[in-house]
Structures are given as C-alpha cells and as structure tokens.
Amino acid sequence: MSYKISVIVPIYGVEQYIERCARSLFEQTLDAIEFIFVDDCTTDNSMDVLHRVIADYPQRKDHVTIIKHETNKGLPQARKTGVQVAKGEYVAHCDSDDWVECNMYEVLYEYATSGHYDIVYSDYYVSDGTHNFPKCTKTSKRLIQGPIWNKLVNRALYTENEIVYPTANKAEDGALMTQLSYYAKQIGYMPKPLYHYFANPQSMTRILSEGDCIKRMEQEKENTLLRVSFLDSLGQTANFKTDVIEWKWLTRNNLLPHLRKNKFYKLWFSTYPEINKDLLLNRGITLRAKVVFLLQLSRLYSFLKR
C-alpha cells in the first residue's frame, strides 16, 4: 500500500496514556497512514495496552508496525528508528502521552500537497488532561524550531540529506528541525490547533532540582553545538547569528529556577559569555527579550517571577 503519512510513536513508560494516544491515531479521517510504534525497552505494561487497542481497530492492523529496541536508546534515537523504516510521503511524530484531533493528518496532508510544501506545521493545545489552552506557533523565521510533533515533513528531507540525529534529550526537536527546515524549499503554516500536548505534571522536565537543571542545560548545550556545527559546516553561521544567540540564551536559561543562588548565577553568566554583549547589540533580538535579559543580568528577573 502507498502511504501518504508515516506517524512515528516512541513508547516508554506510558501505560497510563498510550490508549488515549493510539485511539486518536487510529480514528484519523485519513486512511492511507502507517503507524510505527517504537518500543524503547519500556518496563511497564505500555505494549500490552497498545496491543489491546490495536485489536479494537482491525481495519488499521495491517497499517501498524511495531519495532523493539534491544536496549533503551532515548526519544531522539527512537524517532530515528521510526524514520528509517517509514514509507509514507510525509513523516509525522507523535509523543505517546499526547493525542491529536481526528482530522489532523488529513488537514495537514491536503494543505501540504496543495501548496507543494516540504514542511507544514499547525498550532496546538497545551492540555492538563481537562482543559485545553491553544498555542499559536506562527513564525517568520527560516529555521523553524521545535516541537516536531505539530509538523508534517516530506520524507525526502530525511532521505536526501545527511541529517544528524541528536542523542541528548533536551531541545532535541530544535536540533532536528534546524536541519530539516534549512533544506526545505517551502514551509506552510496552518493557523488551527490540531495537536494536544499533555503537560504531564510528572514529566522529568518539570523536576526543578539543582542537579536536574544542570543536567538539562548540559543536554541542551550538546544540541546547541549540533545546530551550530551544522551551520558551520555549510558556512551559514553568520547568516543566522540571531538564531544562534537565542539558542545559547535558551540553553543557559535552564538554570533560571536557581538564578538567585550565587553559584548558579555565576554558571549562568559564564555559559556562552559572548552573548552577554551580543544579545543586547543584535538588531534581530526584540526589545522585550532584551529587557528580560537585562533583568536576568541584574538578578531581578527571578525575584519578579517569584
């Protein structure tokens, strides 16, 4: 069968959420979809739940591929595994604790093909499981960033270019989208929320201990290096100077929950120290962002946030 879209779903520790995710995928109004679930050595009952859901949709059974990693490789590499076996014209990613509107992929596919877009992206909802808060994602930037799960990407962008997959988890979407959007000839935006991002209160990203904040910063530094190295290899870094400054700023801002502590302020200040000047002088950085940065420099930002 010729698939229009391949949806890739990494699975690890989501037995509470995978049913909601899978049902939203199998009930899509678009028929020509393949569903690739990558079992990243989950230790709970996620796969048992998934198999029960698949049994409820016999018409989708032949469209489902399940791949099991021999060892836990993490989210970015699980996505890579899915892309390597995907057969669809376009590739989509869906996180296993999220869910989608029933017509999401039909709407995005029709929009992508009618406009000959290599990438299309939509708005999305941030959800606590009960309430949905729409998030606008429109951007004028050429290098569009994460998240990756509200986007359709022409599979040719993956197969015809030497895409480097991140290994660190923090900001991995941005590292991948920097490369894909650079190679895209046409990018389209759909001003409609179609994806539900679940703001899981138990997510590791919501743990704000000192050690976790430092760990996340180090992971994001790795992916910032991946992005900058990609631009360097093409001789394009100077053309995206504003983007690079913003990536570095976001990386060090993982430390913001503890910025009032001297050792964290010093670490924040000394991480990419060049942006302490570059950010304020760069014309591409908004005035609002510069004011926020000045408040951080003066150590007033964390007090005002508190």
C-alpha atoms as a PDB file:
ATOM      1  CA  MET A   1       0.000   0.000   0.000  1.00  0.00           C
ATOM      2  CA  SER A   2       1.142   3.524  -0.746  1.00  0.00           C
ATOM      3  CA  TYR A   3       1.091   5.593   2.425  1.00  0.00           C
ATOM      4  CA  LYS A   4       0.556   9.331   2.493  1.00  0.00           C
ATOM      5  CA  ILE A   5       1.878   9.735   6.054  1.00  0.00           C
ATOM      6  CA  SER A   6       4.014   7.721   8.435  1.00  0.00           C
ATOM      7  CA  VAL A   7       3.320   8.526  12.090  1.00  0.00           C
ATOM      8  CA  ILE A   8       6.134   7.566  14.464  1.00  0.00           C
ATOM      9  CA  VAL A   9       5.380   6.992  18.149  1.00  0.00           C
ATOM     10  CA  PRO A  10       8.192   6.189  20.626  1.00  0.00           C
ATOM     11  CA  ILE A  11       6.986   4.247  23.664  1.00  0.00           C
ATOM     12  CA  TYR A  12       8.498   4.222  27.107  1.00  0.00           C
ATOM     13  CA  GLY A  13       6.678   4.253  30.442  1.00  0.00           C
ATOM     14  CA  VAL A  14       3.306   5.470  29.163  1.00  0.00           C
ATOM     15  CA  GLU A  15       0.823   2.748  30.125  1.00  0.00           C
ATOM     16  CA  GLN A  16      -1.461   5.450  31.580  1.00  0.00           C
ATOM     17  CA  TYR A  17      -1.560   7.414  28.328  1.00  0.00           C
ATOM     18  CA  ILE A  18      -0.867   5.192  25.315  1.00  0.00           C
ATOM     19  CA  GLU A  19      -4.509   4.143  24.874  1.00  0.00           C
ATOM     20  CA  ARG A  20      -5.655   7.755  24.509  1.00  0.00           C
ATOM     21  CA  CYS A  21      -2.842   8.432  22.039  1.00  0.00           C
ATOM     22  CA  ALA A  22      -3.345   5.300  19.943  1.00  0.00           C
ATOM     23  CA  ARG A  23      -7.118   5.677  19.677  1.00  0.00           C
ATOM     24  CA  SER A  24      -6.733   9.265  18.463  1.00  0.00           C
ATOM     25  CA  LEU A  25      -4.366   7.989  15.767  1.00  0.00           C
ATOM     26  CA  PHE A  26      -6.446   5.008  14.640  1.00  0.00           C
ATOM     27  CA  GLU A  27      -9.566   7.196  14.388  1.00  0.00           C
ATOM     28  CA  GLN A  28      -7.973   9.584  11.904  1.00  0.00           C
ATOM     29  CA  THR A  29     -10.135  10.562   8.948  1.00  0.00           C
ATOM     30  CA  LEU A  30      -7.210   9.923   6.603  1.00  0.00           C
ATOM     31  CA  ASP A  31      -6.949   6.255   5.642  1.00  0.00           C
ATOM     32  CA  ALA A  32      -3.540   5.985   3.994  1.00  0.00           C
ATOM     33  CA  ILE A  33      -1.470   6.262   7.193  1.00  0.00           C
ATOM     34  CA  GLU A  34       1.086   3.850   8.581  1.00  0.00           C
ATOM     35  CA  PHE A  35       1.674   3.804  12.326  1.00  0.00           C
ATOM     36  CA  ILE A  36       5.158   2.963  13.566  1.00  0.00           C
ATOM     37  CA  PHE A  37       5.441   2.290  17.291  1.00  0.00           C
ATOM     38  CA  VAL A  38       8.977   2.028  18.667  1.00  0.00           C
ATOM     39  CA  ASP A  39       9.221   0.125  21.934  1.00  0.00           C
ATOM     40  CA  ASP A  40      12.268   1.696  23.587  1.00  0.00           C
ATOM     41  CA  CYS A  41      12.530  -1.142  26.142  1.00  0.00           C
ATOM     42  CA  THR A  42       9.608   0.089  28.189  1.00  0.00           C
ATOM     43  CA  THR A  43       9.435  -1.650  31.579  1.00  0.00           C
ATOM     44  CA  ASP A  44       5.718  -1.183  32.225  1.00  0.00           C
ATOM     45  CA  ASN A  45       2.577  -2.519  30.502  1.00  0.00           C
ATOM     46  CA  SER A  46       2.501   0.052  27.700  1.00  0.00           C
ATOM     47  CA  MET A  47       2.855  -2.538  24.949  1.00  0.00           C
ATOM     48  CA  ASP A  48       0.105  -4.762  26.395  1.00  0.00           C
ATOM     49  CA  VAL A  49      -2.242  -1.779  26.406  1.00  0.00           C
ATOM     50  CA  LEU A  50      -1.254  -0.904  22.835  1.00  0.00           C
ATOM     51  CA  HIS A  51      -1.943  -4.413  21.572  1.00  0.00           C
ATOM     52  CA  ARG A  52      -5.411  -4.337  23.161  1.00  0.00           C
ATOM     53  CA  VAL A  53      -6.179  -1.059  21.414  1.00  0.00           C
ATOM     54  CA  ILE A  54      -4.941  -2.371  18.067  1.00  0.00           C
ATOM     55  CA  ALA A  55      -7.366  -5.299  18.402  1.00  0.00           C
ATOM     56  CA  ASP A  56     -10.241  -2.785  18.522  1.00  0.00           C
ATOM     57  CA  TYR A  57      -9.290  -1.406  15.090  1.00  0.00           C
ATOM     58  CA  PRO A  58      -8.932  -4.411  12.742  1.00  0.00           C
ATOM     59  CA  GLN A  59      -9.046  -2.106   9.711  1.00  0.00           C
ATOM     60  CA  ARG A  60      -5.822  -0.475  10.949  1.00  0.00           C
ATOM     61  CA  LYS A  61      -3.969  -3.645  11.934  1.00  0.00           C
ATOM     62  CA  ASP A  62      -2.119  -4.060   8.641  1.00  0.00           C
ATOM     63  CA  HIS A  63      -1.012  -0.423   8.831  1.00  0.00           C
ATOM     64  CA  VAL A  64       0.764  -0.927  12.152  1.00  0.00           C
ATOM     65  CA  THR A  65       4.469  -1.688  12.554  1.00  0.00           C
ATOM     66  CA  ILE A  66       5.996  -2.353  15.973  1.00  0.00           C
ATOM     67  CA  ILE A  67       9.757  -2.194  16.438  1.00  0.00           C
ATOM     68  CA  LYS A  68      11.512  -3.140  19.668  1.00  0.00           C
ATOM     69  CA  HIS A  69      14.892  -1.760  20.652  1.00  0.00           C
ATOM     70  CA  GLU A  70      17.269  -4.233  22.263  1.00  0.00           C
ATOM     71  CA  THR A  71      18.424  -1.514  24.668  1.00  0.00           C
ATOM     72  CA  ASN A  72      16.915   1.784  25.776  1.00  0.00           C
ATOM     73  CA  LYS A  73      18.185   4.472  23.388  1.00  0.00           C
ATOM     74  CA  GLY A  74      16.106   7.502  24.330  1.00  0.00           C
ATOM     75  CA  LEU A  75      13.492   9.566  22.499  1.00  0.00           C
ATOM     76  CA  PRO A  76      15.608  11.040  19.658  1.00  0.00           C
ATOM     77  CA  GLN A  77      17.020   7.674  18.633  1.00  0.00           C
ATOM     78  CA  ALA A  78      13.597   6.025  18.839  1.00  0.00           C
ATOM     79  CA  ARG A  79      12.362   8.620  16.372  1.00  0.00           C
ATOM     80  CA  LYS A  80      15.346   7.879  14.141  1.00  0.00           C
ATOM     81  CA  THR A  81      14.463   4.177  14.152  1.00  0.00           C
ATOM     82  CA  GLY A  82      10.948   5.020  13.005  1.00  0.00           C
ATOM     83  CA  VAL A  83      12.106   7.326  10.220  1.00  0.00           C
ATOM     84  CA  GLN A  84      14.472   4.656   8.889  1.00  0.00           C
ATOM     85  CA  VAL A  85      11.600   2.252   8.181  1.00  0.00           C
ATOM     86  CA  ALA A  86       8.946   4.825   7.226  1.00  0.00           C
ATOM     87  CA  LYS A  87       7.357   4.506   3.787  1.00  0.00           C
ATOM     88  CA  GLY A  88       4.997   7.481   3.787  1.00  0.00           C
ATOM     89  CA  GLU A  89       5.275  10.520   1.550  1.00  0.00           C
ATOM     90  CA  TYR A  90       5.376  12.629   4.714  1.00  0.00           C
ATOM     91  CA  VAL A  91       6.614  11.848   8.206  1.00  0.00           C
ATOM     92  CA  ALA A  92       4.899  12.907  11.432  1.00  0.00           C
ATOM     93  CA  HIS A  93       5.910  12.361  15.043  1.00  0.00           C
ATOM     94  CA  CYS A  94       3.520  11.898  17.940  1.00  0.00           C
ATOM     95  CA  ASP A  95       4.562  11.591  21.581  1.00  0.00           C
ATOM     96  CA  SER A  96       2.846   8.703  23.323  1.00  0.00           C
ATOM     97  CA  ASP A  97       1.349  10.751  26.172  1.00  0.00           C
ATOM     98  CA  ASP A  98      -0.213  13.242  23.724  1.00  0.00           C
ATOM     99  CA  TRP A  99      -3.122  12.930  21.325  1.00  0.00           C
ATOM    100  CA  VAL A 100      -4.386  14.515  18.113  1.00  0.00           C
ATOM    101  CA  GLU A 101      -7.584  15.857  16.592  1.00  0.00           C
ATOM    102  CA  CYS A 102      -9.324  13.212  14.481  1.00  0.00           C
ATOM    103  CA  ASN A 103      -8.705  15.124  11.231  1.00  0.00           C
ATOM    104  CA  MET A 104      -5.211  16.416  11.970  1.00  0.00           C
ATOM    105  CA  TYR A 105      -3.302  14.433   9.379  1.00  0.00           C
ATOM    106  CA  GLU A 106      -5.904  14.786   6.650  1.00  0.00           C
ATOM    107  CA  VAL A 107      -5.953  18.566   7.098  1.00  0.00           C
ATOM    108  CA  LEU A 108      -2.158  18.883   7.124  1.00  0.00           C
ATOM    109  CA  TYR A 109      -1.632  16.478   4.220  1.00  0.00           C
ATOM    110  CA  GLU A 110      -4.135  18.264   1.976  1.00  0.00           C
ATOM    111  CA  TYR A 111      -2.570  21.593   2.875  1.00  0.00           C
ATOM    112  CA  ALA A 112       0.961  20.294   2.247  1.00  0.00           C
ATOM    113  CA  THR A 113       0.195  18.770  -1.142  1.00  0.00           C
ATOM    114  CA  SER A 114      -1.951  21.635  -2.390  1.00  0.00           C
ATOM    115  CA  GLY A 115       0.817  24.141  -1.638  1.00  0.00           C
ATOM    116  CA  HIS A 116       3.730  21.840  -2.531  1.00  0.00           C
ATOM    117  CA  TYR A 117       5.184  22.369   0.935  1.00  0.00           C
ATOM    118  CA  ASP A 118       8.103  20.347   2.266  1.00  0.00           C
ATOM    119  CA  ILE A 119       7.073  21.153   5.843  1.00  0.00           C
ATOM    120  CA  VAL A 120       3.737  22.231   7.254  1.00  0.00           C
ATOM    121  CA  TYR A 121       3.029  22.996  10.891  1.00  0.00           C
ATOM    122  CA  SER A 122      -0.037  23.862  12.926  1.00  0.00           C
ATOM    123  CA  ASP A 123      -0.958  25.446  16.214  1.00  0.00           C
ATOM    124  CA  TYR A 124      -1.571  23.123  19.133  1.00  0.00           C
ATOM    125  CA  TYR A 125      -3.237  22.835  22.527  1.00  0.00           C
ATOM    126  CA  VAL A 126      -1.440  22.653  25.829  1.00  0.00           C
ATOM    127  CA  SER A 127      -3.593  20.356  27.936  1.00  0.00           C
ATOM    128  CA  ASP A 128      -3.675  19.316  31.576  1.00  0.00           C
ATOM    129  CA  GLY A 129      -5.987  16.464  30.617  1.00  0.00           C
ATOM    130  CA  THR A 130      -9.112  18.500  31.334  1.00  0.00           C
ATOM    131  CA  HIS A 131      -8.557  21.992  29.964  1.00  0.00           C
ATOM    132  CA  ASN A 132      -7.060  22.882  26.593  1.00  0.00           C
ATOM    133  CA  PHE A 133      -5.144  26.094  26.035  1.00  0.00           C
ATOM    134  CA  PRO A 134      -4.409  26.981  22.373  1.00  0.00           C
ATOM    135  CA  LYS A 135      -0.823  27.852  21.490  1.00  0.00           C
ATOM    136  CA  CYS A 136      -0.007  29.892  18.378  1.00  0.00           C
ATOM    137  CA  THR A 137       3.172  28.761  16.619  1.00  0.00           C
ATOM    138  CA  LYS A 138       3.392  31.121  13.642  1.00  0.00           C
ATOM    139  CA  THR A 139       6.919  32.266  12.890  1.00  0.00           C
ATOM    140  CA  SER A 140       8.650  34.242  10.165  1.00  0.00           C
ATOM    141  CA  LYS A 141      11.982  32.526  10.773  1.00  0.00           C
ATOM    142  CA  ARG A 142      13.515  30.398   8.072  1.00  0.00           C
ATOM    143  CA  LEU A 143      14.889  27.942  10.622  1.00  0.00           C
ATOM    144  CA  ILE A 144      11.706  26.885  12.375  1.00  0.00           C
ATOM    145  CA  GLN A 145      12.231  25.158  15.678  1.00  0.00           C
ATOM    146  CA  GLY A 146      10.615  22.503  17.842  1.00  0.00           C
ATOM    147  CA  PRO A 147       8.311  20.977  18.744  1.00  0.00           C
ATOM    148  CA  ILE A 148       8.454  18.415  15.976  1.00  0.00           C
ATOM    149  CA  TRP A 149       5.100  16.772  16.748  1.00  0.00           C
ATOM    150  CA  ASN A 150       2.907  19.517  15.258  1.00  0.00           C
ATOM    151  CA  LYS A 151       4.574  19.194  11.853  1.00  0.00           C
ATOM    152  CA  LEU A 152       4.477  17.145   8.673  1.00  0.00           C
ATOM    153  CA  VAL A 153       7.848  16.771   6.961  1.00  0.00           C
ATOM    154  CA  ASN A 154       8.413  15.489   3.449  1.00  0.00           C
ATOM    155  CA  ARG A 155      10.298  12.230   3.946  1.00  0.00           C
ATOM    156  CA  ALA A 156      12.699  13.229   1.170  1.00  0.00           C
ATOM    157  CA  LEU A 157      14.199  15.828   3.514  1.00  0.00           C
ATOM    158  CA  TYR A 158      15.338  12.951   5.734  1.00  0.00           C
ATOM    159  CA  THR A 159      16.475  10.598   2.985  1.00  0.00           C
ATOM    160  CA  GLU A 160      18.164  13.048   0.598  1.00  0.00           C
ATOM    161  CA  ASN A 161      20.202  14.947   3.182  1.00  0.00           C
ATOM    162  CA  GLU A 162      22.734  13.912   5.801  1.00  0.00           C
ATOM    163  CA  ILE A 163      20.555  14.560   8.833  1.00  0.00           C
ATOM    164  CA  VAL A 164      22.366  14.207  12.155  1.00  0.00           C
ATOM    165  CA  TYR A 165      20.070  12.882  14.862  1.00  0.00           C
ATOM    166  CA  PRO A 166      20.616  14.211  18.385  1.00  0.00           C
ATOM    167  CA  THR A 167      21.378  11.879  21.259  1.00  0.00           C
ATOM    168  CA  ALA A 168      20.661  14.261  24.152  1.00  0.00           C
ATOM    169  CA  ASN A 169      17.002  14.719  25.087  1.00  0.00           C
ATOM    170  CA  LYS A 170      16.733  18.443  25.892  1.00  0.00           C
ATOM    171  CA  ALA A 171      15.951  20.596  22.823  1.00  0.00           C
ATOM    172  CA  GLU A 172      16.303  17.582  20.549  1.00  0.00           C
ATOM    173  CA  ASP A 173      13.325  18.758  18.478  1.00  0.00           C
ATOM    174  CA  GLY A 174      15.045  22.043  17.715  1.00  0.00           C
ATOM    175  CA  ALA A 175      18.272  20.325  16.698  1.00  0.00           C
ATOM    176  CA  LEU A 176      16.395  18.198  14.183  1.00  0.00           C
ATOM    177  CA  MET A 177      14.127  20.970  12.903  1.00  0.00           C
ATOM    178  CA  THR A 178      17.085  23.306  12.323  1.00  0.00           C
ATOM    179  CA  GLN A 179      18.420  20.858   9.758  1.00  0.00           C
ATOM    180  CA  LEU A 180      15.108  19.892   8.167  1.00  0.00           C
ATOM    181  CA  SER A 181      13.851  23.455   7.807  1.00  0.00           C
ATOM    182  CA  TYR A 182      17.165  24.598   6.324  1.00  0.00           C
ATOM    183  CA  TYR A 183      16.754  22.097   3.493  1.00  0.00           C
ATOM    184  CA  ALA A 184      13.031  22.780   2.997  1.00  0.00           C
ATOM    185  CA  LYS A 185      12.157  24.822  -0.088  1.00  0.00           C
ATOM    186  CA  GLN A 186       8.622  25.692   1.004  1.00  0.00           C
ATOM    187  CA  ILE A 187       7.160  25.810   4.533  1.00  0.00           C
ATOM    188  CA  GLY A 188       3.466  26.282   5.270  1.00  0.00           C
ATOM    189  CA  TYR A 189       1.597  27.264   8.427  1.00  0.00           C
ATOM    190  CA  MET A 190      -1.897  26.115   9.364  1.00  0.00           C
ATOM    191  CA  PRO A 191      -3.453  28.552  11.905  1.00  0.00           C
ATOM    192  CA  LYS A 192      -5.500  25.878  13.631  1.00  0.00           C
ATOM    193  CA  PRO A 193      -4.727  23.857  16.794  1.00  0.00           C
ATOM    194  CA  LEU A 194      -4.702  20.181  15.840  1.00  0.00           C
ATOM    195  CA  TYR A 195      -2.355  18.541  18.357  1.00  0.00           C
ATOM    196  CA  HIS A 196      -2.818  18.118  22.118  1.00  0.00           C
ATOM    197  CA  TYR A 197       0.398  18.420  24.097  1.00  0.00           C
ATOM    198  CA  PHE A 198      -0.100  16.918  27.535  1.00  0.00           C
ATOM    199  CA  ALA A 199       1.623  18.991  30.217  1.00  0.00           C
ATOM    200  CA  ASN A 200       2.325  15.952  32.343  1.00  0.00           C
ATOM    201  CA  PRO A 201       2.906  17.089  35.948  1.00  0.00           C
ATOM    202  CA  GLN A 202       5.102  14.022  36.493  1.00  0.00           C
ATOM    203  CA  SER A 203       7.319  14.719  33.498  1.00  0.00           C
ATOM    204  CA  MET A 204      11.059  14.813  34.146  1.00  0.00           C
ATOM    205  CA  THR A 205      11.182  18.284  32.585  1.00  0.00           C
ATOM    206  CA  ARG A 206       9.121  19.601  35.497  1.00  0.00           C
ATOM    207  CA  ILE A 207      11.599  18.472  38.124  1.00  0.00           C
ATOM    208  CA  LEU A 208      13.477  21.618  39.119  1.00  0.00           C
ATOM    209  CA  SER A 209      16.149  20.297  41.462  1.00  0.00           C
ATOM    210  CA  GLU A 210      19.625  21.786  41.107  1.00  0.00           C
ATOM    211  CA  GLY A 211      21.045  18.621  39.605  1.00  0.00           C
ATOM    212  CA  ASP A 212      18.242  18.236  37.078  1.00  0.00           C
ATOM    213  CA  CYS A 213      18.519  21.849  35.919  1.00  0.00           C
ATOM    214  CA  ILE A 214      22.257  21.464  35.349  1.00  0.00           C
ATOM    215  CA  LYS A 215      21.706  18.159  33.549  1.00  0.00           C
ATOM    216  CA  ARG A 216      19.138  19.689  31.228  1.00  0.00           C
ATOM    217  CA  MET A 217      21.449  22.599  30.463  1.00  0.00           C
ATOM    218  CA  GLU A 218      24.280  20.216  29.567  1.00  0.00           C
ATOM    219  CA  GLN A 219      21.948  18.247  27.299  1.00  0.00           C
ATOM    220  CA  GLU A 220      20.774  21.417  25.573  1.00  0.00           C
ATOM    221  CA  LYS A 221      24.389  22.546  25.175  1.00  0.00           C
ATOM    222  CA  GLU A 222      25.020  19.340  23.258  1.00  0.00           C
ATOM    223  CA  ASN A 223      22.132  20.039  20.911  1.00  0.00           C
ATOM    224  CA  THR A 224      23.101  23.698  20.554  1.00  0.00           C
ATOM    225  CA  LEU A 225      26.543  22.523  19.475  1.00  0.00           C
ATOM    226  CA  LEU A 226      24.893  20.194  16.957  1.00  0.00           C
ATOM    227  CA  ARG A 227      22.949  23.099  15.452  1.00  0.00           C
ATOM    228  CA  VAL A 228      25.900  25.471  15.323  1.00  0.00           C
ATOM    229  CA  SER A 229      28.186  22.778  13.893  1.00  0.00           C
ATOM    230  CA  PHE A 230      25.585  22.130  11.183  1.00  0.00           C
ATOM    231  CA  LEU A 231      25.552  25.800  10.189  1.00  0.00           C
ATOM    232  CA  ASP A 232      29.355  25.980  10.400  1.00  0.00           C
ATOM    233  CA  SER A 233      29.687  23.037   8.020  1.00  0.00           C
ATOM    234  CA  LEU A 234      27.635  24.951   5.449  1.00  0.00           C
ATOM    235  CA  GLY A 235      29.344  28.292   6.045  1.00  0.00           C
ATOM    236  CA  GLN A 236      25.988  29.721   7.149  1.00  0.00           C
ATOM    237  CA  THR A 237      26.556  30.648  10.798  1.00  0.00           C
ATOM    238  CA  ALA A 238      26.893  34.387  10.116  1.00  0.00           C
ATOM    239  CA  ASN A 239      23.568  34.382   8.253  1.00  0.00           C
ATOM    240  CA  PHE A 240      21.760  33.004  11.302  1.00  0.00           C
ATOM    241  CA  LYS A 241      23.545  34.924  14.055  1.00  0.00           C
ATOM    242  CA  THR A 242      20.302  35.925  15.793  1.00  0.00           C
ATOM    243  CA  ASP A 243      19.148  32.302  15.914  1.00  0.00           C
ATOM    244  CA  VAL A 244      22.461  31.174  17.397  1.00  0.00           C
ATOM    245  CA  ILE A 245      22.286  33.838  20.113  1.00  0.00           C
ATOM    246  CA  GLU A 246      18.743  32.769  21.004  1.00  0.00           C
ATOM    247  CA  TRP A 247      19.725  29.078  21.164  1.00  0.00           C
ATOM    248  CA  LYS A 248      22.583  29.865  23.528  1.00  0.00           C
ATOM    249  CA  TRP A 249      20.364  32.065  25.693  1.00  0.00           C
ATOM    250  CA  LEU A 250      17.691  29.379  25.965  1.00  0.00           C
ATOM    251  CA  THR A 251      20.365  26.837  26.866  1.00  0.00           C
ATOM    252  CA  ARG A 252      21.675  28.753  29.864  1.00  0.00           C
ATOM    253  CA  ASN A 253      18.145  29.636  30.944  1.00  0.00           C
ATOM    254  CA  ASN A 254      17.702  26.061  32.163  1.00  0.00           C
ATOM    255  CA  LEU A 255      19.322  27.469  35.321  1.00  0.00           C
ATOM    256  CA  LEU A 256      16.687  30.174  35.900  1.00  0.00           C
ATOM    257  CA  PRO A 257      14.871  28.361  38.761  1.00  0.00           C
ATOM    258  CA  HIS A 258      18.042  28.783  40.863  1.00  0.00           C
ATOM    259  CA  LEU A 259      19.390  32.063  39.488  1.00  0.00           C
ATOM    260  CA  ARG A 260      19.213  33.804  42.881  1.00  0.00           C
ATOM    261  CA  LYS A 261      21.925  31.475  44.180  1.00  0.00           C
ATOM    262  CA  ASN A 262      25.426  32.789  43.619  1.00  0.00           C
ATOM    263  CA  LYS A 263      26.904  29.616  42.159  1.00  0.00           C
ATOM    264  CA  PHE A 264      24.067  29.300  39.657  1.00  0.00           C
ATOM    265  CA  TYR A 265      24.227  32.940  38.638  1.00  0.00           C
ATOM    266  CA  LYS A 266      27.964  32.585  38.008  1.00  0.00           C
ATOM    267  CA  LEU A 267      27.384  29.437  35.959  1.00  0.00           C
ATOM    268  CA  TRP A 268      24.559  31.128  34.036  1.00  0.00           C
ATOM    269  CA  PHE A 269      26.682  34.224  33.391  1.00  0.00           C
ATOM    270  CA  SER A 270      29.741  32.250  32.258  1.00  0.00           C
ATOM    271  CA  THR A 271      27.884  29.880  29.929  1.00  0.00           C
ATOM    272  CA  TYR A 272      28.303  31.331  26.445  1.00  0.00           C
ATOM    273  CA  PRO A 273      29.645  34.606  27.936  1.00  0.00           C
ATOM    274  CA  GLU A 274      29.804  36.183  24.472  1.00  0.00           C
ATOM    275  CA  ILE A 275      26.023  36.612  24.415  1.00  0.00           C
ATOM    276  CA  ASN A 276      26.134  38.986  27.404  1.00  0.00           C
ATOM    277  CA  LYS A 277      27.112  41.593  24.833  1.00  0.00           C
ATOM    278  CA  ASP A 278      25.913  40.097  21.561  1.00  0.00           C
ATOM    279  CA  LEU A 279      22.311  39.722  22.666  1.00  0.00           C
ATOM    280  CA  LEU A 280      21.969  43.381  23.597  1.00  0.00           C
ATOM    281  CA  LEU A 281      23.625  44.630  20.394  1.00  0.00           C
ATOM    282  CA  ASN A 282      21.906  42.294  17.948  1.00  0.00           C
ATOM    283  CA  ARG A 283      19.175  44.047  15.969  1.00  0.00           C
ATOM    284  CA  GLY A 284      17.239  40.825  15.450  1.00  0.00           C
ATOM    285  CA  ILE A 285      16.546  40.389  19.172  1.00  0.00           C
ATOM    286  CA  THR A 286      13.296  42.042  20.258  1.00  0.00           C
ATOM    287  CA  LEU A 287      13.220  44.883  22.761  1.00  0.00           C
ATOM    288  CA  ARG A 288      11.133  42.768  25.113  1.00  0.00           C
ATOM    289  CA  ALA A 289      13.729  39.995  25.049  1.00  0.00           C
ATOM    290  CA  LYS A 290      16.490  42.488  25.758  1.00  0.00           C
ATOM    291  CA  VAL A 291      14.585  43.856  28.766  1.00  0.00           C
ATOM    292  CA  VAL A 292      14.140  40.329  30.126  1.00  0.00           C
ATOM    293  CA  PHE A 293      17.834  39.655  29.605  1.00  0.00           C
ATOM    294  CA  LEU A 294      18.798  42.857  31.448  1.00  0.00           C
ATOM    295  CA  LEU A 295      16.580  41.802  34.354  1.00  0.00           C
ATOM    296  CA  GLN A 296      18.367  38.473  34.410  1.00  0.00           C
ATOM    297  CA  LEU A 297      21.760  40.165  34.343  1.00  0.00           C
ATOM    298  CA  SER A 298      20.753  42.369  37.270  1.00  0.00           C
ATOM    299  CA  ARG A 299      19.364  39.317  39.114  1.00  0.00           C
ATOM    300  CA  LEU A 300      15.915  40.904  39.303  1.00  0.00           C
ATOM    301  CA  TYR A 301      14.173  38.519  36.924  1.00  0.00           C
ATOM    302  CA  SER A 302      13.884  35.570  39.298  1.00  0.00           C
ATOM    303  CA  PHE A 303      12.630  37.895  42.039  1.00  0.00           C
ATOM    304  CA  LEU A 304       9.920  39.309  39.766  1.00  0.00           C
ATOM    305  CA  LYS A 305       8.929  35.830  38.583  1.00  0.00           C
ATOM    306  CA  ARG A 306       8.658  34.735  42.209  1.00  0.00           C
END
